[in-house]
Amino acid sequence: QVQLVESGGGLVQAGGALSLSCAASGSIWEIDTMGWYRQAPGKQRELVASIFRGGRTTYGDSVKGRVTISRDNAKNTVYLQMNSLKPEDIAVYYCNAARVVSGTEYNYWGQGTQVTVSS
């Protein structure tokens, strides 16, 4: 099992910046990928960014160029730096950790943190 604890989030003005962090505990050696997803009211959960064990990153199209994901393996923590925030970035942001065992992917989720952008 993997436990994820998120911090950061809150209210920021449009054009501002915000940082999120997510600390993992438990069976962390089994984690292949860590990332952030978000879910806005009435919308499906979507990928914001993910980072693989080796450091390769993936970003959602709607945030490319505005966010940076990083990972501190020594602290078992993943960070999300978001810049130039827009009202359309308003959502609950969820930390995700994934591992693959015998071809089956297991996903773990944090409790979510609200990001609100005022226009």
C-alpha atoms as a PDB file:
ATOM      1  CA  GLN A   1       0.000   0.000   0.000  1.00  0.00           C
ATOM      2  CA  VAL A   2       1.013   3.577  -0.654  1.00  0.00           C
ATOM      3  CA  GLN A   3      -0.235   6.593   1.248  1.00  0.00           C
ATOM      4  CA  LEU A   4      -0.148  10.049  -0.283  1.00  0.00           C
ATOM      5  CA  VAL A   5      -0.405  13.327   1.597  1.00  0.00           C
ATOM      6  CA  GLU A   6      -0.837  16.510  -0.406  1.00  0.00           C
ATOM      7  CA  SER A   7      -0.118  20.057   0.618  1.00  0.00           C
ATOM      8  CA  GLY A   8      -0.334  23.411  -1.068  1.00  0.00           C
ATOM      9  CA  GLY A   9      -3.233  24.640  -3.067  1.00  0.00           C
ATOM     10  CA  GLY A  10      -5.500  27.510  -2.160  1.00  0.00           C
ATOM     11  CA  LEU A  11      -6.589  30.752  -3.735  1.00  0.00           C
ATOM     12  CA  VAL A  12      -4.486  32.722  -6.190  1.00  0.00           C
ATOM     13  CA  GLN A  13      -5.156  35.532  -8.629  1.00  0.00           C
ATOM     14  CA  ALA A  14      -5.120  34.896 -12.348  1.00  0.00           C
ATOM     15  CA  GLY A  15      -1.580  35.054 -13.639  1.00  0.00           C
ATOM     16  CA  GLY A  16      -0.197  33.986 -10.300  1.00  0.00           C
ATOM     17  CA  ALA A  17       1.695  30.898  -9.242  1.00  0.00           C
ATOM     18  CA  LEU A  18       1.091  28.046  -6.856  1.00  0.00           C
ATOM     19  CA  SER A  19       3.039  25.030  -5.692  1.00  0.00           C
ATOM     20  CA  LEU A  20       1.709  21.660  -4.672  1.00  0.00           C
ATOM     21  CA  SER A  21       3.595  18.873  -2.993  1.00  0.00           C
ATOM     22  CA  CYS A  22       2.782  15.251  -2.302  1.00  0.00           C
ATOM     23  CA  ALA A  23       4.630  13.038   0.126  1.00  0.00           C
ATOM     24  CA  ALA A  24       4.449   9.287  -0.304  1.00  0.00           C
ATOM     25  CA  SER A  25       4.818   6.685   2.396  1.00  0.00           C
ATOM     26  CA  GLY A  26       4.315   2.967   2.653  1.00  0.00           C
ATOM     27  CA  SER A  27       5.490   0.699  -0.135  1.00  0.00           C
ATOM     28  CA  ILE A  28       7.233   3.511  -1.926  1.00  0.00           C
ATOM     29  CA  TRP A  29       9.867   1.300  -3.521  1.00  0.00           C
ATOM     30  CA  GLU A  30       7.150  -0.151  -5.673  1.00  0.00           C
ATOM     31  CA  ILE A  31       6.107   3.188  -7.182  1.00  0.00           C
ATOM     32  CA  ASP A  32       6.791   3.533 -10.889  1.00  0.00           C
ATOM     33  CA  THR A  33       5.096   6.829 -11.630  1.00  0.00           C
ATOM     34  CA  MET A  34       3.922   9.774  -9.580  1.00  0.00           C
ATOM     35  CA  GLY A  35       1.794  12.560 -10.872  1.00  0.00           C
ATOM     36  CA  TRP A  36      -1.003  15.035 -10.530  1.00  0.00           C
ATOM     37  CA  TYR A  37      -4.496  14.894 -11.892  1.00  0.00           C
ATOM     38  CA  ARG A  38      -7.296  17.399 -11.557  1.00  0.00           C
ATOM     39  CA  GLN A  39     -11.049  17.354 -11.650  1.00  0.00           C
ATOM     40  CA  ALA A  40     -13.174  20.404 -12.212  1.00  0.00           C
ATOM     41  CA  PRO A  41     -16.882  20.424 -11.362  1.00  0.00           C
ATOM     42  CA  GLY A  42     -18.847  18.485 -13.942  1.00  0.00           C
ATOM     43  CA  LYS A  43     -15.737  17.324 -15.752  1.00  0.00           C
ATOM     44  CA  GLN A  44     -13.720  14.152 -15.878  1.00  0.00           C
ATOM     45  CA  ARG A  45     -10.469  13.797 -14.041  1.00  0.00           C
ATOM     46  CA  GLU A  46      -7.577  14.692 -16.308  1.00  0.00           C
ATOM     47  CA  LEU A  47      -3.823  14.399 -16.251  1.00  0.00           C
ATOM     48  CA  VAL A  48      -1.896  17.490 -15.252  1.00  0.00           C
ATOM     49  CA  ALA A  49       1.602  16.018 -15.150  1.00  0.00           C
ATOM     50  CA  SER A  50       3.393  12.816 -14.330  1.00  0.00           C
ATOM     51  CA  ILE A  51       6.967  11.807 -13.723  1.00  0.00           C
ATOM     52  CA  PHE A  52       8.368   8.348 -14.143  1.00  0.00           C
ATOM     53  CA  ARG A  53      10.928   6.674 -11.936  1.00  0.00           C
ATOM     54  CA  GLY A  54      13.728   7.563 -14.314  1.00  0.00           C
ATOM     55  CA  GLY A  55      12.684  11.202 -14.499  1.00  0.00           C
ATOM     56  CA  ARG A  56      10.782  11.293 -17.771  1.00  0.00           C
ATOM     57  CA  THR A  57       7.844  13.695 -17.579  1.00  0.00           C
ATOM     58  CA  THR A  58       4.473  13.974 -19.276  1.00  0.00           C
ATOM     59  CA  TYR A  59       2.192  17.002 -19.262  1.00  0.00           C
ATOM     60  CA  GLY A  60      -1.426  17.533 -20.092  1.00  0.00           C
ATOM     61  CA  ASP A  61      -2.039  19.661 -23.163  1.00  0.00           C
ATOM     62  CA  SER A  62      -3.930  22.312 -21.228  1.00  0.00           C
ATOM     63  CA  VAL A  63      -1.022  23.036 -18.902  1.00  0.00           C
ATOM     64  CA  LYS A  64       2.041  22.537 -21.082  1.00  0.00           C
ATOM     65  CA  GLY A  65       4.489  25.367 -20.697  1.00  0.00           C
ATOM     66  CA  ARG A  66       2.882  26.551 -17.469  1.00  0.00           C
ATOM     67  CA  VAL A  67       3.598  23.752 -15.032  1.00  0.00           C
ATOM     68  CA  THR A  68       6.633  21.803 -13.977  1.00  0.00           C
ATOM     69  CA  ILE A  69       6.650  18.504 -12.159  1.00  0.00           C
ATOM     70  CA  SER A  70       9.632  17.330 -10.195  1.00  0.00           C
ATOM     71  CA  ARG A  71      10.425  14.473  -7.891  1.00  0.00           C
ATOM     72  CA  ASP A  72      12.705  14.166  -4.883  1.00  0.00           C
ATOM     73  CA  ASN A  73      13.301  10.461  -4.478  1.00  0.00           C
ATOM     74  CA  ALA A  74      15.180  10.954  -1.216  1.00  0.00           C
ATOM     75  CA  LYS A  75      12.121  12.623   0.301  1.00  0.00           C
ATOM     76  CA  ASN A  76       9.614  10.466  -1.564  1.00  0.00           C
ATOM     77  CA  THR A  77       7.925  13.665  -2.614  1.00  0.00           C
ATOM     78  CA  VAL A  78       6.627  14.989  -5.895  1.00  0.00           C
ATOM     79  CA  TYR A  79       6.145  18.670  -6.565  1.00  0.00           C
ATOM     80  CA  LEU A  80       4.011  20.614  -9.000  1.00  0.00           C
ATOM     81  CA  GLN A  81       4.892  24.207  -9.786  1.00  0.00           C
ATOM     82  CA  MET A  82       2.087  26.004 -11.578  1.00  0.00           C
ATOM     83  CA  ASN A  83       2.589  29.393 -13.183  1.00  0.00           C
ATOM     84  CA  SER A  84       0.389  31.775 -15.145  1.00  0.00           C
ATOM     85  CA  LEU A  85      -2.694  30.298 -13.578  1.00  0.00           C
ATOM     86  CA  LYS A  86      -6.039  30.829 -15.269  1.00  0.00           C
ATOM     87  CA  PRO A  87      -9.627  30.546 -14.037  1.00  0.00           C
ATOM     88  CA  GLU A  88      -9.927  27.366 -16.092  1.00  0.00           C
ATOM     89  CA  ASP A  89      -7.321  25.794 -13.826  1.00  0.00           C
ATOM     90  CA  ILE A  90      -9.829  25.772 -10.996  1.00  0.00           C
ATOM     91  CA  ALA A  91     -10.198  22.179  -9.833  1.00  0.00           C
ATOM     92  CA  VAL A  92      -9.433  19.699  -7.127  1.00  0.00           C
ATOM     93  CA  TYR A  93      -5.912  18.455  -7.695  1.00  0.00           C
ATOM     94  CA  TYR A  94      -5.131  14.860  -6.796  1.00  0.00           C
ATOM     95  CA  CYS A  95      -1.758  13.278  -6.281  1.00  0.00           C
ATOM     96  CA  ASN A  96      -1.349   9.887  -7.890  1.00  0.00           C
ATOM     97  CA  ALA A  97       1.132   7.075  -7.495  1.00  0.00           C
ATOM     98  CA  ALA A  98       1.119   4.077  -9.780  1.00  0.00           C
ATOM     99  CA  ARG A  99       2.898   0.764  -9.835  1.00  0.00           C
ATOM    100  CA  VAL A 100       2.769  -2.141 -12.211  1.00  0.00           C
ATOM    101  CA  VAL A 101       2.826  -5.664 -10.839  1.00  0.00           C
ATOM    102  CA  SER A 102       2.756  -8.587 -13.247  1.00  0.00           C
ATOM    103  CA  GLY A 103       1.228  -6.413 -15.927  1.00  0.00           C
ATOM    104  CA  THR A 104      -1.489  -4.975 -13.689  1.00  0.00           C
ATOM    105  CA  GLU A 105      -1.421  -1.285 -12.804  1.00  0.00           C
ATOM    106  CA  TYR A 106      -2.329  -0.239  -9.297  1.00  0.00           C
ATOM    107  CA  ASN A 107      -3.186   3.383  -8.605  1.00  0.00           C
ATOM    108  CA  TYR A 108      -3.163   5.239  -5.317  1.00  0.00           C
ATOM    109  CA  TRP A 109      -4.703   8.658  -4.752  1.00  0.00           C
ATOM    110  CA  GLY A 110      -4.333  11.479  -2.319  1.00  0.00           C
ATOM    111  CA  GLN A 111      -7.310  13.152  -0.725  1.00  0.00           C
ATOM    112  CA  GLY A 112      -7.198  16.091  -3.126  1.00  0.00           C
ATOM    113  CA  THR A 113      -6.458  19.761  -2.664  1.00  0.00           C
ATOM    114  CA  GLN A 114      -8.513  22.645  -4.020  1.00  0.00           C
ATOM    115  CA  VAL A 115      -6.976  25.193  -6.361  1.00  0.00           C
ATOM    116  CA  THR A 116      -9.013  28.318  -6.983  1.00  0.00           C
ATOM    117  CA  VAL A 117      -8.031  31.094  -9.377  1.00  0.00           C
ATOM    118  CA  SER A 118      -9.743  34.451  -9.150  1.00  0.00           C
ATOM    119  CA  SER A 119     -10.137  36.504 -12.282  1.00  0.00           C
END
